[in-house]
N, C-alpha and C. Protein backbone atom coordinates (compact mmCIF):
# COMPACT_ATOMS: atom_id res chain seq x y z
N MET A 1 137.74 125.18 70.05
CA MET A 1 137.26 125.14 68.62
C MET A 1 137.90 123.95 67.71
N LEU A 2 137.32 123.23 67.25
CA LEU A 2 137.77 122.12 66.30
C LEU A 2 138.18 122.55 65.06
N GLU A 3 139.14 121.86 64.60
CA GLU A 3 139.48 122.27 63.12
C GLU A 3 138.79 121.29 62.32
N ASP A 4 138.58 122.04 60.83
CA ASP A 4 137.88 121.10 60.07
C ASP A 4 137.88 119.73 59.80
N PHE A 5 139.22 119.21 59.87
CA PHE A 5 139.44 117.76 59.50
C PHE A 5 138.90 116.96 60.86
N GLU A 6 139.09 117.56 62.16
CA GLU A 6 138.49 116.98 63.25
C GLU A 6 136.93 116.76 63.15
N ARG A 7 136.12 117.95 62.93
CA ARG A 7 134.78 117.76 62.49
C ARG A 7 134.41 116.88 61.71
N THR A 8 135.18 116.68 60.67
CA THR A 8 134.74 115.69 59.70
C THR A 8 134.95 114.24 60.06
N LYS A 9 136.13 114.09 60.94
CA LYS A 9 136.33 112.86 61.29
C LYS A 9 135.34 112.30 62.33
N ILE A 10 134.99 113.36 63.25
CA ILE A 10 133.83 113.07 64.11
C ILE A 10 132.45 112.42 63.60
N CYS A 11 132.23 113.27 62.36
CA CYS A 11 131.04 112.80 61.62
C CYS A 11 131.29 111.49 60.93
N ASP A 12 132.41 111.26 60.32
CA ASP A 12 132.72 109.98 59.71
C ASP A 12 132.58 108.80 60.39
N VAL A 13 133.12 108.94 61.67
CA VAL A 13 133.14 107.79 62.88
C VAL A 13 131.61 107.49 63.12
N VAL A 14 130.61 108.49 63.16
CA VAL A 14 129.40 108.47 63.55
C VAL A 14 128.75 107.90 62.48
N LYS A 15 129.08 108.13 61.17
CA LYS A 15 128.60 107.62 60.10
C LYS A 15 128.80 105.97 59.97
N LEU A 16 129.78 105.59 60.29
CA LEU A 16 130.24 104.16 60.63
C LEU A 16 129.27 103.55 61.42
N GLY A 17 128.73 104.07 62.24
CA GLY A 17 127.83 103.43 63.23
C GLY A 17 128.18 103.67 64.97
N CYS A 18 129.46 104.21 64.94
CA CYS A 18 129.80 104.37 66.35
C CYS A 18 129.21 105.71 67.06
N GLY A 19 129.05 105.44 68.35
CA GLY A 19 128.57 106.66 69.00
C GLY A 19 129.59 107.93 69.22
N ARG A 20 128.84 108.94 69.87
CA ARG A 20 129.48 110.12 70.06
C ARG A 20 130.73 110.07 70.84
N GLU A 21 130.46 109.33 71.94
CA GLU A 21 131.93 109.08 72.66
C GLU A 21 132.93 108.45 72.08
N ALA A 22 132.77 107.49 70.97
CA ALA A 22 133.65 106.84 70.22
C ALA A 22 134.48 107.87 69.39
N ALA A 23 133.51 108.80 68.61
CA ALA A 23 133.99 109.79 67.90
C ALA A 23 134.60 110.71 68.52
N ALA A 24 134.36 111.27 69.77
CA ALA A 24 134.96 112.18 70.48
C ALA A 24 136.69 111.73 70.93
N LYS A 25 136.64 110.37 71.26
CA LYS A 25 137.82 109.72 71.59
C LYS A 25 138.84 109.90 70.37
N TYR A 26 138.35 109.58 69.24
CA TYR A 26 138.93 109.41 67.93
C TYR A 26 139.71 110.80 67.69
N VAL A 27 139.18 111.75 68.10
CA VAL A 27 139.90 113.01 67.87
C VAL A 27 140.53 113.63 69.16
N GLY A 28 140.67 112.84 70.22
CA GLY A 28 141.20 113.41 71.42
C GLY A 28 140.45 114.11 72.10
N LEU A 29 139.05 113.86 72.27
CA LEU A 29 138.40 114.71 73.09
C LEU A 29 137.56 113.61 74.25
N THR A 30 137.16 114.18 75.22
CA THR A 30 136.20 113.41 76.00
C THR A 30 134.78 113.81 75.44
N LEU A 31 133.82 112.96 75.84
CA LEU A 31 132.44 112.95 75.56
C LEU A 31 132.04 114.72 75.95
N GLU A 32 132.36 114.89 77.05
CA GLU A 32 131.74 116.28 77.93
C GLU A 32 132.45 117.26 76.67
N GLN A 33 133.65 117.26 76.54
CA GLN A 33 134.22 118.16 75.72
C GLN A 33 133.47 118.39 74.29
N LEU A 34 133.32 117.16 73.54
CA LEU A 34 132.54 117.08 72.35
C LEU A 34 131.12 117.87 72.48
N GLN A 35 130.46 117.48 73.65
CA GLN A 35 129.02 118.14 74.00
C GLN A 35 129.32 119.41 74.11
N ALA A 36 130.08 120.05 74.82
CA ALA A 36 130.41 121.42 75.03
C ALA A 36 130.64 122.19 73.78
N GLU A 37 131.27 121.56 72.82
CA GLU A 37 131.57 122.02 71.30
C GLU A 37 130.33 121.95 70.40
N LEU A 38 129.50 120.91 70.86
CA LEU A 38 128.25 120.98 69.96
C LEU A 38 127.27 122.33 70.51
N VAL A 39 127.35 122.60 71.56
CA VAL A 39 126.45 123.86 72.28
C VAL A 39 127.18 125.00 71.45
N ARG A 40 128.42 125.16 71.32
CA ARG A 40 128.97 126.18 70.75
C ARG A 40 128.88 126.34 69.13
N ASP A 41 128.79 125.04 68.61
CA ASP A 41 128.96 125.16 67.06
C ASP A 41 127.83 124.39 66.59
N GLU A 42 126.76 125.25 66.18
CA GLU A 42 125.61 124.64 65.78
C GLU A 42 125.62 123.91 64.52
N GLU A 43 126.47 124.36 63.68
CA GLU A 43 126.63 123.48 62.48
C GLU A 43 126.89 122.39 62.74
N LEU A 44 128.04 121.84 63.32
CA LEU A 44 128.54 120.69 63.88
C LEU A 44 127.59 119.65 64.35
N ALA A 45 126.61 120.49 65.33
CA ALA A 45 125.53 119.79 65.94
C ALA A 45 124.78 119.19 64.72
N LYS A 46 124.61 119.99 63.96
CA LYS A 46 123.43 119.43 62.85
C LYS A 46 123.94 118.38 61.91
N ASP A 47 125.42 118.47 61.62
CA ASP A 47 126.27 117.51 60.75
C ASP A 47 126.08 116.30 61.58
N LEU A 48 126.56 116.33 62.89
CA LEU A 48 126.60 115.10 63.73
C LEU A 48 125.39 114.31 63.69
N LEU A 49 124.14 115.29 63.82
CA LEU A 49 122.64 114.42 63.79
C LEU A 49 122.56 113.93 62.25
N ARG A 50 122.96 114.51 61.30
CA ARG A 50 122.75 114.03 60.04
C ARG A 50 123.71 112.77 60.04
N ALA A 51 124.95 112.70 60.35
CA ALA A 51 125.74 111.67 60.51
C ALA A 51 125.19 110.24 61.34
N GLU A 52 124.35 110.60 62.31
CA GLU A 52 123.61 109.59 63.29
C GLU A 52 122.63 109.12 62.31
N GLY A 53 121.65 109.89 61.66
CA GLY A 53 120.76 109.50 60.92
C GLY A 53 121.04 108.70 59.50
N ALA A 54 122.21 108.97 58.98
CA ALA A 54 123.06 108.17 58.09
C ALA A 54 123.39 106.95 58.34
N ALA A 55 123.92 106.77 59.45
CA ALA A 55 124.19 105.46 60.07
C ALA A 55 122.90 104.43 60.12
N VAL A 56 122.03 105.14 60.86
CA VAL A 56 120.65 104.34 61.02
C VAL A 56 119.92 104.02 59.65
N LEU A 57 120.14 104.81 58.70
CA LEU A 57 119.64 104.43 57.45
C LEU A 57 120.67 103.34 56.74
N SER A 58 121.75 103.40 56.80
CA SER A 58 122.75 102.38 56.29
C SER A 58 122.30 101.18 56.82
N TYR A 59 122.19 100.95 58.18
CA TYR A 59 121.90 99.68 58.68
C TYR A 59 120.67 99.04 58.37
N MET A 60 119.83 100.03 58.35
CA MET A 60 118.42 99.43 58.17
C MET A 60 118.46 99.36 56.80
N GLY A 61 119.13 99.80 55.74
CA GLY A 61 119.08 99.28 54.29
C GLY A 61 119.65 97.66 54.23
N GLN A 62 120.74 97.60 55.33
CA GLN A 62 121.31 96.12 55.35
C GLN A 62 120.33 95.16 55.71
N VAL A 63 119.61 95.67 56.58
CA VAL A 63 118.42 94.86 57.29
C VAL A 63 117.46 94.49 56.11
N ARG A 64 117.04 95.46 55.55
CA ARG A 64 116.07 95.22 54.36
C ARG A 64 116.60 94.19 53.39
N LYS A 65 117.83 94.39 52.75
CA LYS A 65 118.39 93.45 51.86
C LYS A 65 118.48 92.24 52.51
N ALA A 66 118.68 92.05 53.64
CA ALA A 66 119.01 90.75 54.19
C ALA A 66 117.88 90.13 54.47
N ALA A 67 116.60 90.71 54.16
CA ALA A 67 115.06 89.94 54.33
C ALA A 67 115.24 89.08 53.26
N SER A 68 116.00 89.26 51.99
CA SER A 68 115.88 88.25 50.86
C SER A 68 116.83 87.37 50.76
N GLU A 69 118.03 87.43 51.74
CA GLU A 69 119.14 86.73 51.74
C GLU A 69 119.61 86.62 53.17
N GLU A 70 119.67 85.23 53.77
CA GLU A 70 120.13 85.17 55.24
C GLU A 70 121.68 85.23 55.31
N LYS A 71 122.23 86.38 55.17
CA LYS A 71 123.61 86.41 55.21
C LYS A 71 124.08 87.70 55.83
N ASN A 72 124.74 87.62 56.97
CA ASN A 72 125.37 88.77 57.43
C ASN A 72 124.46 89.63 58.07
N TRP A 73 123.27 89.26 58.39
CA TRP A 73 122.25 90.48 58.70
C TRP A 73 122.16 90.76 60.12
N ARG A 74 122.65 89.70 60.84
CA ARG A 74 122.47 89.81 62.50
C ARG A 74 123.31 90.89 62.87
N SER A 75 124.32 91.24 62.42
CA SER A 75 125.00 92.41 62.76
C SER A 75 124.49 93.71 62.72
N SER A 76 123.71 94.05 61.77
CA SER A 76 123.02 95.15 61.52
C SER A 76 121.66 95.08 62.47
N VAL A 77 121.06 94.11 62.86
CA VAL A 77 120.03 94.05 63.55
C VAL A 77 120.49 94.30 65.08
N TRP A 78 121.75 93.60 65.46
CA TRP A 78 122.46 94.04 66.81
C TRP A 78 122.63 95.39 66.95
N TRP A 79 123.24 95.92 65.99
CA TRP A 79 123.56 97.58 65.78
C TRP A 79 122.16 98.14 66.22
N LEU A 80 121.16 97.91 65.51
CA LEU A 80 119.73 98.72 65.38
C LEU A 80 119.16 98.52 66.88
N GLU A 81 119.13 97.28 67.47
CA GLU A 81 118.80 97.05 68.93
C GLU A 81 119.68 97.77 69.92
N GLN A 82 120.85 98.18 69.72
CA GLN A 82 121.68 98.92 70.57
C GLN A 82 121.37 100.41 70.49
N GLN A 83 121.10 100.87 69.21
CA GLN A 83 120.74 102.18 69.19
C GLN A 83 119.44 102.34 69.69
N ALA A 84 118.35 101.25 69.55
CA ALA A 84 117.00 101.65 70.33
C ALA A 84 117.15 101.81 71.69
N ARG A 85 118.20 101.11 72.46
CA ARG A 85 118.42 100.98 73.75
C ARG A 85 118.98 102.07 74.16
N ILE A 86 119.98 102.60 73.42
CA ILE A 86 120.38 103.88 73.65
C ILE A 86 119.62 105.14 73.36
N ASP A 87 118.70 105.16 72.68
CA ASP A 87 117.63 106.07 72.47
C ASP A 87 116.64 106.10 73.62
N LYS A 88 116.22 104.85 74.24
CA LYS A 88 115.43 104.95 75.38
C LYS A 88 115.86 105.55 76.28
N LEU A 89 117.28 105.74 76.54
CA LEU A 89 118.07 105.97 77.63
C LEU A 89 118.85 107.50 77.31
N SER A 90 118.05 108.27 76.54
CA SER A 90 118.69 109.42 76.08
C SER A 90 117.88 110.63 76.71
N GLY A 91 118.39 111.72 76.53
CA GLY A 91 117.36 113.06 76.94
C GLY A 91 116.80 112.87 78.42
N PRO A 92 115.94 113.55 78.59
CA PRO A 92 115.17 113.86 79.69
C PRO A 92 114.87 112.38 80.52
N ASP A 93 114.47 111.24 80.11
CA ASP A 93 114.39 110.20 80.57
C ASP A 93 115.82 109.53 80.87
N ARG A 94 116.75 109.68 80.32
CA ARG A 94 118.27 109.20 80.94
C ARG A 94 118.40 110.11 82.08
N VAL A 95 118.22 111.34 81.97
CA VAL A 95 118.35 111.83 83.44
C VAL A 95 117.48 111.51 84.53
N LYS A 96 116.09 111.15 84.13
CA LYS A 96 115.41 110.85 85.20
C LYS A 96 115.78 109.25 85.68
N PHE A 97 116.01 108.57 84.83
CA PHE A 97 116.70 107.13 85.11
C PHE A 97 117.81 107.31 85.63
N THR A 98 118.86 108.04 85.56
CA THR A 98 120.09 108.19 86.43
C THR A 98 119.87 108.72 87.64
N GLU A 99 119.03 109.85 88.02
CA GLU A 99 118.63 110.16 89.07
C GLU A 99 118.00 109.17 90.12
N ALA A 100 116.86 108.49 89.57
CA ALA A 100 116.50 107.37 90.44
C ALA A 100 117.59 106.35 90.79
N VAL A 101 118.43 105.75 89.77
CA VAL A 101 119.35 104.98 90.12
C VAL A 101 120.26 105.54 91.34
N LEU A 102 120.67 106.79 91.10
CA LEU A 102 121.65 107.50 92.24
C LEU A 102 120.86 107.43 93.36
N GLU A 103 119.64 107.79 93.53
CA GLU A 103 118.65 107.80 94.58
C GLU A 103 118.73 106.52 95.46
N THR A 104 118.42 105.58 94.63
CA THR A 104 118.26 104.37 95.25
C THR A 104 119.87 103.69 95.76
N LEU A 105 120.81 104.08 94.98
CA LEU A 105 122.10 103.51 95.64
C LEU A 105 122.43 104.32 97.07
N GLU A 106 122.15 105.92 96.98
CA GLU A 106 122.05 106.65 98.09
C GLU A 106 121.48 105.90 99.30
N ARG A 107 120.33 105.40 99.00
CA ARG A 107 119.27 104.95 100.22
C ARG A 107 119.90 103.38 100.48
N PHE A 108 120.39 102.69 99.79
CA PHE A 108 121.24 101.52 100.11
C PHE A 108 122.56 101.83 100.89
N ALA A 109 123.19 102.82 100.62
CA ALA A 109 124.57 103.22 101.28
C ALA A 109 124.05 103.66 102.78
N GLU A 110 122.93 104.55 102.85
CA GLU A 110 122.67 105.22 103.98
C GLU A 110 121.95 103.86 105.08
N MET A 111 121.55 102.73 104.47
CA MET A 111 120.93 101.68 105.20
C MET A 111 122.20 100.97 105.40
N ILE A 112 123.02 100.88 104.95
CA ILE A 112 124.25 99.92 105.22
C ILE A 112 125.00 100.90 106.41
N VAL A 113 125.31 102.33 106.33
CA VAL A 113 125.63 103.06 107.31
C VAL A 113 125.12 102.82 108.43
N ALA A 114 123.69 102.96 108.55
CA ALA A 114 122.93 102.70 109.69
C ALA A 114 122.87 101.34 110.40
N GLU A 115 122.99 100.47 109.68
CA GLU A 115 122.71 99.07 110.19
C GLU A 115 124.12 98.40 110.42
N VAL A 116 125.09 98.68 109.96
CA VAL A 116 126.35 97.69 109.85
C VAL A 116 127.36 98.75 110.88
N THR A 117 127.62 98.30 111.95
CA THR A 117 128.55 99.27 112.74
C THR A 117 129.88 98.75 112.76
N ASP A 118 130.38 97.53 112.28
CA ASP A 118 131.67 97.34 111.96
C ASP A 118 132.08 98.05 110.64
N LEU A 119 133.32 98.77 111.09
CA LEU A 119 133.82 99.73 109.97
C LEU A 119 134.32 98.76 108.81
N GLN A 120 135.22 97.76 109.10
CA GLN A 120 135.69 96.96 108.01
C GLN A 120 134.60 96.26 107.15
N ARG A 121 133.56 95.54 107.91
CA ARG A 121 132.23 95.03 106.91
C ARG A 121 131.71 96.27 106.24
N ARG A 122 131.41 97.43 106.92
CA ARG A 122 130.66 98.51 106.27
C ARG A 122 131.58 99.01 105.05
N SER A 123 132.83 99.15 105.26
CA SER A 123 133.54 99.54 103.88
C SER A 123 133.56 98.64 102.84
N ALA A 124 133.70 97.09 103.51
CA ALA A 124 133.46 96.18 102.32
C ALA A 124 132.27 96.16 101.50
N LEU A 125 131.13 96.35 102.27
CA LEU A 125 129.50 96.47 101.60
C LEU A 125 129.66 97.64 100.89
N LEU A 126 129.86 98.97 101.34
CA LEU A 126 129.88 100.00 100.61
C LEU A 126 130.70 99.92 99.09
N THR A 127 131.81 99.49 99.44
CA THR A 127 132.56 99.19 98.25
C THR A 127 132.03 98.34 97.08
N HIS A 128 131.69 97.26 97.87
CA HIS A 128 130.83 96.20 96.73
C HIS A 128 129.72 96.92 96.08
N LEU A 129 128.97 97.66 96.64
CA LEU A 129 127.86 98.32 96.39
C LEU A 129 128.28 99.17 94.98
N MET A 130 129.28 100.16 95.44
CA MET A 130 129.80 101.00 94.52
C MET A 130 130.28 100.32 93.25
N ASN A 131 131.04 99.06 93.31
CA ASN A 131 131.55 98.64 92.25
C ASN A 131 130.44 97.91 91.41
N ILE A 132 129.40 97.28 92.07
CA ILE A 132 128.39 96.94 91.06
C ILE A 132 127.58 98.00 90.63
N ALA A 133 127.40 98.80 91.14
CA ALA A 133 126.85 100.22 90.44
C ALA A 133 127.67 100.69 89.19
N ALA A 134 128.87 100.74 89.45
CA ALA A 134 129.81 101.39 88.48
C ALA A 134 129.88 100.35 87.33
N GLU A 135 130.10 98.91 87.51
CA GLU A 135 129.87 98.02 86.61
C GLU A 135 128.89 98.00 85.61
N GLY A 136 127.49 98.26 86.27
CA GLY A 136 126.25 98.30 85.56
C GLY A 136 126.22 99.31 84.48
N VAL A 137 127.08 100.52 84.85
CA VAL A 137 127.29 101.65 83.78
C VAL A 137 128.56 101.54 82.99
N GLY A 138 129.21 100.41 82.83
CA GLY A 138 130.39 100.60 82.28
C GLY A 138 131.63 101.28 82.67
N LYS A 139 131.77 101.62 84.09
CA LYS A 139 132.78 102.38 84.21
C LYS A 139 133.85 101.66 85.13
N VAL A 140 133.78 100.64 85.28
CA VAL A 140 134.82 99.59 85.81
C VAL A 140 135.35 98.50 85.15
N ASP A 141 136.52 98.17 84.92
CA ASP A 141 136.58 96.91 84.18
C ASP A 141 137.28 96.05 85.76
N GLU A 142 137.57 94.77 85.35
CA GLU A 142 137.83 93.92 86.23
C GLU A 142 139.37 94.33 87.36
N SER A 143 139.93 95.21 86.81
CA SER A 143 141.17 95.41 87.40
C SER A 143 140.96 96.75 88.57
N LYS A 144 139.87 97.30 88.44
CA LYS A 144 139.83 98.64 89.04
C LYS A 144 138.96 98.23 90.47
N VAL A 145 139.17 99.01 91.35
CA VAL A 145 138.10 99.01 92.68
C VAL A 145 137.72 100.56 93.07
N ILE A 146 136.65 100.57 93.16
CA ILE A 146 136.12 102.20 93.58
C ILE A 146 136.14 101.99 95.27
N ASP A 147 137.01 103.20 95.65
CA ASP A 147 136.93 103.22 97.31
C ASP A 147 135.60 104.35 97.61
N VAL A 148 135.16 103.99 98.71
CA VAL A 148 133.94 104.54 99.25
C VAL A 148 134.37 106.04 99.97
N GLU A 149 133.62 106.78 99.92
CA GLU A 149 134.21 108.15 100.80
C GLU A 149 134.32 107.90 102.51
N PRO A 150 135.36 108.38 102.66
CA PRO A 150 135.54 108.19 104.27
C PRO A 150 134.65 108.59 105.31
N ALA A 151 133.77 109.91 104.79
CA ALA A 151 132.83 110.28 105.90
C ALA A 151 131.54 108.96 106.13
N MET A 152 131.59 108.19 104.99
CA MET A 152 130.52 107.14 105.08
C MET A 152 130.82 106.03 106.10
N LEU A 153 132.13 105.94 106.14
CA LEU A 153 132.87 104.98 107.00
C LEU A 153 132.96 105.22 108.40
N THR A 154 132.98 106.79 108.63
CA THR A 154 132.98 107.02 110.10
C THR A 154 131.69 107.77 110.79
N SER A 155 130.73 107.32 110.06
CA SER A 155 129.34 108.00 110.65
C SER A 155 129.30 107.70 112.12
N SER A 156 128.50 108.48 112.68
CA SER A 156 128.42 108.34 114.03
C SER A 156 127.78 107.17 114.68
N SER A 157 127.46 106.08 113.83
CA SER A 157 126.90 104.82 114.32
C SER A 157 128.00 103.93 114.19
N ALA A 158 129.14 104.24 113.76
CA ALA A 158 130.19 103.27 113.67
C ALA A 158 130.87 103.09 114.82
N THR A 159 131.31 101.80 114.83
CA THR A 159 132.14 101.45 116.38
C THR A 159 133.53 101.39 115.95
N GLU A 160 134.53 101.50 116.85
CA GLU A 160 135.99 101.21 116.52
C GLU A 160 136.19 99.84 116.16
N ILE A 161 137.19 99.74 115.14
CA ILE A 161 137.49 98.51 114.53
C ILE A 161 138.09 97.64 115.44
N GLU A 162 137.82 96.56 116.16
CA GLU A 162 138.27 95.77 116.79
C GLU A 162 139.50 94.92 116.28
N ALA A 163 140.54 94.71 117.20
CA ALA A 163 141.82 93.94 116.71
C ALA A 163 141.25 92.43 116.45
N PRO A 164 141.67 91.78 115.33
CA PRO A 164 141.45 90.44 115.02
C PRO A 164 141.58 89.70 116.22
N ALA A 165 140.73 88.55 116.47
CA ALA A 165 140.84 87.64 117.53
C ALA A 165 142.12 86.60 116.89
N SER A 166 142.91 86.39 118.07
CA SER A 166 143.97 85.52 117.90
C SER A 166 143.40 84.24 117.93
N GLU A 167 144.29 83.19 117.12
CA GLU A 167 143.90 81.80 117.08
C GLU A 167 143.85 81.05 118.23
N ASN A 168 144.37 81.83 119.39
CA ASN A 168 144.55 81.01 120.79
C ASN A 168 143.43 81.59 121.62
N ASP A 169 142.50 82.28 121.16
CA ASP A 169 141.41 82.71 122.06
C ASP A 169 140.19 81.97 122.35
N GLY A 170 140.17 80.60 121.69
CA GLY A 170 139.19 79.87 122.14
C GLY A 170 138.06 79.77 121.15
N ASN A 171 138.08 80.50 120.11
CA ASN A 171 136.81 80.41 119.56
C ASN A 171 137.46 80.27 117.97
N GLY A 172 138.55 79.64 117.53
CA GLY A 172 139.03 79.45 116.48
C GLY A 172 139.36 80.62 115.52
N GLY A 173 139.56 81.74 115.95
CA GLY A 173 139.98 82.83 115.31
C GLY A 173 138.92 83.41 114.31
N GLY A 174 137.66 83.12 114.57
CA GLY A 174 136.48 83.43 113.63
C GLY A 174 135.93 84.70 114.13
N PRO A 175 134.80 85.25 113.45
CA PRO A 175 134.07 86.39 113.96
C PRO A 175 133.35 86.21 115.08
């Protein structure tokens, strides 16, 4: 259960134009914890919706005001575009989109497991696929690497990892 000051801070952060995740972090919660709190606390859920609406109205007011003077209006337009993008990927549509992406990634991973028998190459491809996917949703920064499940690497279609060829084997040490 949140303290009154935490509830106020969450709504204040959202009124500034930040999203729910930023508001949750500001008071030391994860987005999932905030979502659980919103389920328990109907009043907070309504207050948060009002705060989100107030932010949209504030930025829309700035865009309208900027129509008469060309000064600092682009940041408001950017914010509104971001909100529209977020709105399109929320609720049931976001779930369907996420499921479709996950299904596609799983099919790519299955194809890699079926077609690539060299374990090192398979591992590299699967790791690369997972990093691309994670970067696409903003889950990975440049310093992180996602490891692939070991089960995918040791599927029955895999072959043993061969020792690297020595430089003196006559083929230049290449694959």
